[in-house]
Amino acid sequence: MTGTVTADATRTTVNAFFAARAAGDTAAITALFADEVDWLLAANPVVPWIRPRRTAAECAAQFDELMAHVVAADAHASIDTFLVDGSDAVVFGQLSGTVRATGKPFEGPFALRLTVEDGHITRHHLYENSLSIAQACTP
């Protein structure tokens, strides 16, 4: 029974994370992250919103930084699959957008691994089409 309770709590937290991102609610996103987060997003020096992060505030700020650099009306993410196993969740989907500075579009699949402990996200590992994003950021 403990595994089910953990999986349900994980699913609830991850759903709250996606709802806060969709609403652009940085305060709610910050509250969902643990004080220290295992953050992984492949370094990409030409993409201004991709950088190392560790604290809840730094992780939540990624959304604001992303939205400062992309055309809001063109920023889309859809979820194809949402799997939960205990405290871990894996989400597969598609993302797309247009970089404001260049007017170039990007798109591609993504996979996101999240770990939730005591109602807070402690791991955020995002795997995405970094080549498409880098090309869109390059003038």
N, C-alpha and C. Protein backbone atom coordinates (compact mmCIF):
# COMPACT_ATOMS: atom_id res chain seq x y z
N MET A 1 0.81 -1.20 0.00
CA MET A 1 0.00 0.00 0.00
C MET A 1 0.86 1.26 0.00
N THR A 2 2.02 1.23 0.61
CA THR A 2 2.89 2.40 0.66
C THR A 2 3.30 2.84 -0.73
N GLY A 3 3.60 1.90 -1.62
CA GLY A 3 3.98 2.24 -2.98
C GLY A 3 2.88 3.00 -3.70
N THR A 4 1.62 2.62 -3.49
CA THR A 4 0.50 3.31 -4.12
C THR A 4 0.36 4.72 -3.56
N VAL A 5 0.50 4.86 -2.26
CA VAL A 5 0.41 6.18 -1.65
C VAL A 5 1.52 7.07 -2.20
N THR A 6 2.73 6.55 -2.29
CA THR A 6 3.86 7.32 -2.83
C THR A 6 3.60 7.69 -4.28
N ALA A 7 3.15 6.76 -5.09
CA ALA A 7 2.88 7.03 -6.50
C ALA A 7 1.78 8.09 -6.63
N ASP A 8 0.73 8.00 -5.82
CA ASP A 8 -0.34 8.99 -5.87
C ASP A 8 0.18 10.37 -5.48
N ALA A 9 1.02 10.43 -4.45
CA ALA A 9 1.58 11.72 -4.02
C ALA A 9 2.51 12.29 -5.10
N THR A 10 3.27 11.42 -5.74
CA THR A 10 4.15 11.85 -6.83
C THR A 10 3.32 12.43 -7.97
N ARG A 11 2.30 11.71 -8.37
CA ARG A 11 1.43 12.16 -9.47
C ARG A 11 0.79 13.50 -9.13
N THR A 12 0.33 13.67 -7.90
CA THR A 12 -0.29 14.92 -7.47
C THR A 12 0.70 16.08 -7.57
N THR A 13 1.92 15.88 -7.09
CA THR A 13 2.93 16.93 -7.14
C THR A 13 3.31 17.27 -8.57
N VAL A 14 3.50 16.26 -9.42
CA VAL A 14 3.87 16.51 -10.80
C VAL A 14 2.74 17.23 -11.54
N ASN A 15 1.49 16.84 -11.29
CA ASN A 15 0.37 17.54 -11.90
C ASN A 15 0.32 19.00 -11.44
N ALA A 16 0.61 19.25 -10.18
CA ALA A 16 0.65 20.63 -9.67
C ALA A 16 1.78 21.41 -10.34
N PHE A 17 2.90 20.77 -10.58
CA PHE A 17 4.03 21.40 -11.28
C PHE A 17 3.61 21.83 -12.68
N PHE A 18 2.98 20.92 -13.43
CA PHE A 18 2.56 21.25 -14.79
C PHE A 18 1.48 22.34 -14.79
N ALA A 19 0.59 22.30 -13.83
CA ALA A 19 -0.45 23.33 -13.75
C ALA A 19 0.18 24.70 -13.45
N ALA A 20 1.15 24.73 -12.55
CA ALA A 20 1.83 26.00 -12.22
C ALA A 20 2.62 26.52 -13.42
N ARG A 21 3.26 25.62 -14.15
CA ARG A 21 3.98 26.05 -15.37
C ARG A 21 3.01 26.60 -16.40
N ALA A 22 1.90 25.92 -16.60
CA ALA A 22 0.91 26.39 -17.57
C ALA A 22 0.34 27.75 -17.19
N ALA A 23 0.22 28.00 -15.90
CA ALA A 23 -0.31 29.28 -15.42
C ALA A 23 0.76 30.36 -15.32
N GLY A 24 2.03 29.97 -15.48
CA GLY A 24 3.12 30.93 -15.33
C GLY A 24 3.28 31.39 -13.90
N ASP A 25 2.94 30.53 -12.95
CA ASP A 25 2.97 30.87 -11.52
C ASP A 25 4.32 30.48 -10.91
N THR A 26 5.28 31.41 -11.01
CA THR A 26 6.63 31.14 -10.54
C THR A 26 6.67 30.86 -9.04
N ALA A 27 5.84 31.54 -8.26
CA ALA A 27 5.82 31.29 -6.81
C ALA A 27 5.38 29.86 -6.51
N ALA A 28 4.38 29.38 -7.22
CA ALA A 28 3.91 28.00 -7.01
C ALA A 28 4.97 27.00 -7.47
N ILE A 29 5.64 27.31 -8.58
CA ILE A 29 6.70 26.42 -9.06
C ILE A 29 7.82 26.35 -8.03
N THR A 30 8.22 27.50 -7.51
CA THR A 30 9.28 27.56 -6.50
C THR A 30 8.91 26.71 -5.28
N ALA A 31 7.65 26.82 -4.85
CA ALA A 31 7.19 26.08 -3.67
C ALA A 31 7.21 24.58 -3.90
N LEU A 32 7.11 24.14 -5.14
CA LEU A 32 7.09 22.71 -5.43
C LEU A 32 8.48 22.09 -5.47
N PHE A 33 9.51 22.90 -5.65
CA PHE A 33 10.88 22.37 -5.66
C PHE A 33 11.42 22.28 -4.24
N ALA A 34 12.26 21.28 -4.01
CA ALA A 34 12.98 21.17 -2.74
C ALA A 34 14.01 22.29 -2.64
N ASP A 35 14.55 22.50 -1.46
CA ASP A 35 15.55 23.56 -1.28
C ASP A 35 16.75 23.34 -2.19
N GLU A 36 17.14 22.08 -2.37
CA GLU A 36 18.24 21.74 -3.26
C GLU A 36 17.75 20.68 -4.24
N VAL A 37 18.04 20.88 -5.53
CA VAL A 37 17.51 20.03 -6.59
C VAL A 37 18.65 19.45 -7.42
N ASP A 38 18.50 18.18 -7.77
CA ASP A 38 19.41 17.53 -8.72
C ASP A 38 18.88 17.90 -10.11
N TRP A 39 19.45 18.95 -10.69
CA TRP A 39 18.98 19.50 -11.97
C TRP A 39 19.92 19.06 -13.08
N LEU A 40 19.35 18.54 -14.16
CA LEU A 40 20.15 18.15 -15.31
C LEU A 40 19.45 18.63 -16.57
N LEU A 41 20.15 19.41 -17.33
CA LEU A 41 19.74 19.86 -18.66
C LEU A 41 21.04 20.11 -19.39
N ALA A 42 21.27 19.39 -20.46
CA ALA A 42 22.55 19.44 -21.15
C ALA A 42 22.97 20.88 -21.43
N ALA A 43 24.18 21.22 -21.05
CA ALA A 43 24.72 22.56 -21.26
C ALA A 43 24.67 22.91 -22.74
N ASN A 44 24.27 24.14 -23.01
CA ASN A 44 24.17 24.61 -24.39
C ASN A 44 24.45 26.11 -24.37
N PRO A 45 25.69 26.51 -24.65
CA PRO A 45 26.09 27.90 -24.47
C PRO A 45 25.36 28.92 -25.34
N VAL A 46 24.69 28.49 -26.42
CA VAL A 46 23.98 29.46 -27.25
C VAL A 46 22.51 29.61 -26.85
N VAL A 47 22.05 28.82 -25.88
CA VAL A 47 20.67 28.91 -25.42
C VAL A 47 20.65 29.62 -24.07
N PRO A 48 20.13 30.86 -24.03
CA PRO A 48 20.26 31.67 -22.82
C PRO A 48 19.54 31.14 -21.58
N TRP A 49 18.51 30.33 -21.72
CA TRP A 49 17.78 29.84 -20.55
C TRP A 49 18.30 28.49 -20.05
N ILE A 50 19.28 27.92 -20.74
CA ILE A 50 19.85 26.65 -20.29
C ILE A 50 21.15 26.94 -19.56
N ARG A 51 21.15 26.65 -18.27
CA ARG A 51 22.33 26.83 -17.43
C ARG A 51 22.19 25.94 -16.21
N PRO A 52 23.27 25.72 -15.49
CA PRO A 52 23.16 24.91 -14.27
C PRO A 52 22.25 25.58 -13.25
N ARG A 53 21.52 24.77 -12.51
CA ARG A 53 20.63 25.25 -11.46
C ARG A 53 20.71 24.28 -10.29
N ARG A 54 20.38 24.76 -9.11
CA ARG A 54 20.47 23.90 -7.94
C ARG A 54 19.39 24.19 -6.91
N THR A 55 19.06 25.47 -6.72
CA THR A 55 18.09 25.83 -5.68
C THR A 55 16.67 25.89 -6.26
N ALA A 56 15.69 25.88 -5.39
CA ALA A 56 14.30 25.98 -5.82
C ALA A 56 14.07 27.24 -6.64
N ALA A 57 14.59 28.37 -6.18
CA ALA A 57 14.40 29.63 -6.90
C ALA A 57 15.07 29.60 -8.27
N GLU A 58 16.26 29.04 -8.36
CA GLU A 58 16.95 28.93 -9.66
C GLU A 58 16.18 28.04 -10.62
N CYS A 59 15.66 26.94 -10.11
CA CYS A 59 14.91 26.01 -10.96
C CYS A 59 13.61 26.64 -11.45
N ALA A 60 12.91 27.31 -10.57
CA ALA A 60 11.66 27.97 -10.96
C ALA A 60 11.92 29.11 -11.94
N ALA A 61 13.06 29.78 -11.80
CA ALA A 61 13.39 30.90 -12.68
C ALA A 61 13.60 30.45 -14.13
N GLN A 62 13.86 29.18 -14.34
CA GLN A 62 14.05 28.69 -15.70
C GLN A 62 12.82 28.99 -16.55
N PHE A 63 11.63 28.87 -15.98
CA PHE A 63 10.41 29.15 -16.73
C PHE A 63 10.36 30.62 -17.16
N ASP A 64 10.65 31.53 -16.23
CA ASP A 64 10.63 32.97 -16.56
C ASP A 64 11.68 33.30 -17.62
N GLU A 65 12.86 32.69 -17.50
CA GLU A 65 13.93 32.94 -18.47
C GLU A 65 13.54 32.40 -19.85
N LEU A 66 12.95 31.22 -19.88
CA LEU A 66 12.48 30.66 -21.13
C LEU A 66 11.46 31.59 -21.78
N MET A 67 10.49 32.05 -21.01
CA MET A 67 9.43 32.89 -21.57
C MET A 67 9.95 34.27 -21.99
N ALA A 68 11.04 34.72 -21.42
CA ALA A 68 11.64 35.99 -21.84
C ALA A 68 12.30 35.87 -23.21
N HIS A 69 12.63 34.66 -23.61
CA HIS A 69 13.38 34.44 -24.85
C HIS A 69 12.57 33.80 -25.98
N VAL A 70 11.35 33.36 -25.69
CA VAL A 70 10.53 32.76 -26.74
C VAL A 70 9.24 33.56 -26.91
N VAL A 71 8.64 33.43 -28.07
CA VAL A 71 7.35 34.08 -28.34
C VAL A 71 6.28 33.27 -27.60
N ALA A 72 5.63 33.91 -26.63
CA ALA A 72 4.68 33.20 -25.77
C ALA A 72 3.60 32.47 -26.55
N ALA A 73 3.07 33.09 -27.59
CA ALA A 73 1.99 32.47 -28.36
C ALA A 73 2.45 31.21 -29.10
N ASP A 74 3.74 31.09 -29.33
CA ASP A 74 4.27 29.94 -30.06
C ASP A 74 4.83 28.85 -29.14
N ALA A 75 4.88 29.09 -27.84
CA ALA A 75 5.46 28.13 -26.89
C ALA A 75 4.43 27.06 -26.55
N HIS A 76 4.73 25.82 -26.93
CA HIS A 76 3.80 24.72 -26.70
C HIS A 76 4.55 23.49 -26.20
N ALA A 77 3.90 22.78 -25.31
CA ALA A 77 4.39 21.48 -24.88
C ALA A 77 3.18 20.58 -24.73
N SER A 78 3.30 19.37 -25.22
CA SER A 78 2.23 18.41 -25.05
C SER A 78 2.82 17.13 -24.45
N ILE A 79 2.02 16.48 -23.65
CA ILE A 79 2.45 15.25 -22.98
C ILE A 79 1.81 14.07 -23.68
N ASP A 80 2.65 13.12 -24.08
CA ASP A 80 2.18 11.89 -24.71
C ASP A 80 2.03 10.77 -23.68
N THR A 81 2.97 10.70 -22.74
CA THR A 81 3.01 9.61 -21.78
C THR A 81 3.44 10.16 -20.42
N PHE A 82 2.79 9.69 -19.35
CA PHE A 82 3.09 10.12 -17.99
C PHE A 82 3.13 8.84 -17.14
N LEU A 83 4.34 8.43 -16.76
CA LEU A 83 4.53 7.20 -15.99
C LEU A 83 4.98 7.54 -14.57
N VAL A 84 4.43 6.82 -13.60
CA VAL A 84 4.83 7.04 -12.21
C VAL A 84 5.16 5.70 -11.58
N ASP A 85 6.31 5.67 -10.89
CA ASP A 85 6.73 4.48 -10.15
C ASP A 85 7.26 4.97 -8.81
N GLY A 86 6.47 4.87 -7.79
CA GLY A 86 6.88 5.34 -6.47
C GLY A 86 7.12 6.83 -6.48
N SER A 87 8.32 7.24 -6.13
CA SER A 87 8.64 8.67 -6.07
C SER A 87 9.15 9.23 -7.39
N ASP A 88 9.25 8.38 -8.42
CA ASP A 88 9.74 8.83 -9.73
C ASP A 88 8.62 8.95 -10.74
N ALA A 89 8.72 9.99 -11.56
CA ALA A 89 7.79 10.19 -12.67
C ALA A 89 8.61 10.46 -13.92
N VAL A 90 8.15 9.92 -15.04
CA VAL A 90 8.79 10.17 -16.32
C VAL A 90 7.69 10.62 -17.28
N VAL A 91 7.97 11.71 -17.97
CA VAL A 91 7.00 12.29 -18.89
C VAL A 91 7.66 12.37 -20.26
N PHE A 92 6.93 11.92 -21.28
CA PHE A 92 7.39 12.04 -22.66
C PHE A 92 6.42 12.94 -23.39
N GLY A 93 6.96 13.77 -24.29
CA GLY A 93 6.08 14.64 -25.04
C GLY A 93 6.80 15.35 -26.17
N GLN A 94 6.15 16.39 -26.64
CA GLN A 94 6.66 17.21 -27.73
C GLN A 94 6.68 18.66 -27.26
N LEU A 95 7.69 19.40 -27.71
CA LEU A 95 7.72 20.83 -27.40
C LEU A 95 8.07 21.60 -28.65
N SER A 96 7.64 22.85 -28.67
CA SER A 96 7.94 23.71 -29.80
C SER A 96 7.88 25.16 -29.36
N GLY A 97 8.48 26.01 -30.15
CA GLY A 97 8.46 27.43 -29.85
C GLY A 97 9.20 28.21 -30.92
N THR A 98 9.24 29.50 -30.72
CA THR A 98 9.97 30.40 -31.60
C THR A 98 10.83 31.30 -30.73
N VAL A 99 12.11 31.39 -31.05
CA VAL A 99 13.03 32.25 -30.29
C VAL A 99 12.77 33.70 -30.71
N ARG A 100 12.50 34.53 -29.72
CA ARG A 100 12.15 35.92 -29.95
C ARG A 100 13.23 36.69 -30.72
N ALA A 101 14.50 36.53 -30.33
CA ALA A 101 15.59 37.31 -30.92
C ALA A 101 15.86 36.99 -32.38
N THR A 102 15.61 35.74 -32.78
CA THR A 102 15.92 35.33 -34.15
C THR A 102 14.69 35.11 -35.02
N GLY A 103 13.56 34.89 -34.39
CA GLY A 103 12.35 34.56 -35.14
C GLY A 103 12.35 33.14 -35.66
N LYS A 104 13.32 32.33 -35.23
CA LYS A 104 13.44 30.95 -35.72
C LYS A 104 12.68 29.98 -34.81
N PRO A 105 12.02 29.00 -35.42
CA PRO A 105 11.29 28.01 -34.63
C PRO A 105 12.19 26.86 -34.18
N PHE A 106 11.73 26.16 -33.15
CA PHE A 106 12.35 24.91 -32.73
C PHE A 106 11.23 23.94 -32.37
N GLU A 107 11.55 22.66 -32.42
CA GLU A 107 10.57 21.65 -32.03
C GLU A 107 11.28 20.33 -31.83
N GLY A 108 10.61 19.44 -31.15
CA GLY A 108 11.15 18.11 -30.98
C GLY A 108 10.59 17.41 -29.76
N PRO A 109 10.96 16.17 -29.60
CA PRO A 109 10.51 15.40 -28.46
C PRO A 109 11.27 15.78 -27.19
N PHE A 110 10.66 15.46 -26.05
CA PHE A 110 11.37 15.63 -24.78
C PHE A 110 11.02 14.47 -23.86
N ALA A 111 11.90 14.24 -22.91
CA ALA A 111 11.65 13.31 -21.82
C ALA A 111 12.06 14.04 -20.55
N LEU A 112 11.23 13.96 -19.54
CA LEU A 112 11.48 14.63 -18.27
C LEU A 112 11.36 13.61 -17.15
N ARG A 113 12.42 13.50 -16.35
CA ARG A 113 12.39 12.61 -15.18
C ARG A 113 12.35 13.48 -13.94
N LEU A 114 11.34 13.27 -13.12
CA LEU A 114 11.19 14.00 -11.88
C LEU A 114 11.15 13.01 -10.72
N THR A 115 11.75 13.40 -9.61
CA THR A 115 11.64 12.63 -8.38
C THR A 115 11.01 13.54 -7.34
N VAL A 116 10.03 12.99 -6.63
CA VAL A 116 9.29 13.76 -5.62
C VAL A 116 9.50 13.10 -4.27
N GLU A 117 9.92 13.90 -3.30
CA GLU A 117 10.10 13.43 -1.92
C GLU A 117 9.42 14.43 -1.00
N ASP A 118 8.55 13.94 -0.13
CA ASP A 118 7.82 14.78 0.81
C ASP A 118 7.12 15.95 0.11
N GLY A 119 6.55 15.69 -1.06
CA GLY A 119 5.79 16.70 -1.78
C GLY A 119 6.61 17.73 -2.53
N HIS A 120 7.93 17.53 -2.60
CA HIS A 120 8.80 18.47 -3.30
C HIS A 120 9.62 17.75 -4.37
N ILE A 121 9.84 18.44 -5.47
CA ILE A 121 10.64 17.89 -6.56
C ILE A 121 12.12 17.99 -6.18
N THR A 122 12.77 16.84 -6.11
CA THR A 122 14.19 16.80 -5.73
C THR A 122 15.10 16.50 -6.92
N ARG A 123 14.49 15.99 -8.01
CA ARG A 123 15.26 15.72 -9.22
C ARG A 123 14.45 16.22 -10.42
N HIS A 124 15.15 16.92 -11.33
CA HIS A 124 14.55 17.43 -12.57
C HIS A 124 15.58 17.22 -13.67
N HIS A 125 15.42 16.16 -14.43
CA HIS A 125 16.32 15.84 -15.54
C HIS A 125 15.52 15.95 -16.83
N LEU A 126 15.91 16.89 -17.68
CA LEU A 126 15.20 17.13 -18.94
C LEU A 126 16.10 16.77 -20.11
N TYR A 127 15.57 15.96 -21.00
CA TYR A 127 16.26 15.55 -22.22
C TYR A 127 15.41 16.07 -23.38
N GLU A 128 16.01 16.91 -24.23
CA GLU A 128 15.25 17.53 -25.31
C GLU A 128 16.09 17.64 -26.57
N ASN A 129 15.48 18.10 -27.64
CA ASN A 129 16.16 18.27 -28.92
C ASN A 129 17.00 19.53 -28.86
N SER A 130 18.14 19.46 -28.22
CA SER A 130 18.98 20.64 -28.01
C SER A 130 19.55 21.20 -29.32
N LEU A 131 19.72 20.37 -30.34
CA LEU A 131 20.23 20.85 -31.62
C LEU A 131 19.22 21.82 -32.25
N SER A 132 17.95 21.45 -32.27
CA SER A 132 16.91 22.32 -32.83
C SER A 132 16.84 23.65 -32.07
N ILE A 133 16.94 23.59 -30.75
CA ILE A 133 16.86 24.79 -29.93
C ILE A 133 18.09 25.67 -30.17
N ALA A 134 19.27 25.08 -30.23
CA ALA A 134 20.50 25.84 -30.48
C ALA A 134 20.46 26.50 -31.86
N GLN A 135 19.97 25.78 -32.86
CA GLN A 135 19.87 26.36 -34.20
C GLN A 135 18.89 27.54 -34.21
N ALA A 136 17.81 27.44 -33.45
CA ALA A 136 16.84 28.53 -33.39
C ALA A 136 17.40 29.75 -32.66
N CYS A 137 18.35 29.55 -31.75
CA CYS A 137 18.95 30.65 -31.01
C CYS A 137 20.11 31.32 -31.76
N THR A 138 20.58 30.67 -32.80
CA THR A 138 21.74 31.17 -33.54
C THR A 138 21.27 32.08 -34.69
N PRO A 139 21.76 33.34 -34.69
CA PRO A 139 21.34 34.26 -35.77
C PRO A 139 21.79 33.80 -37.15
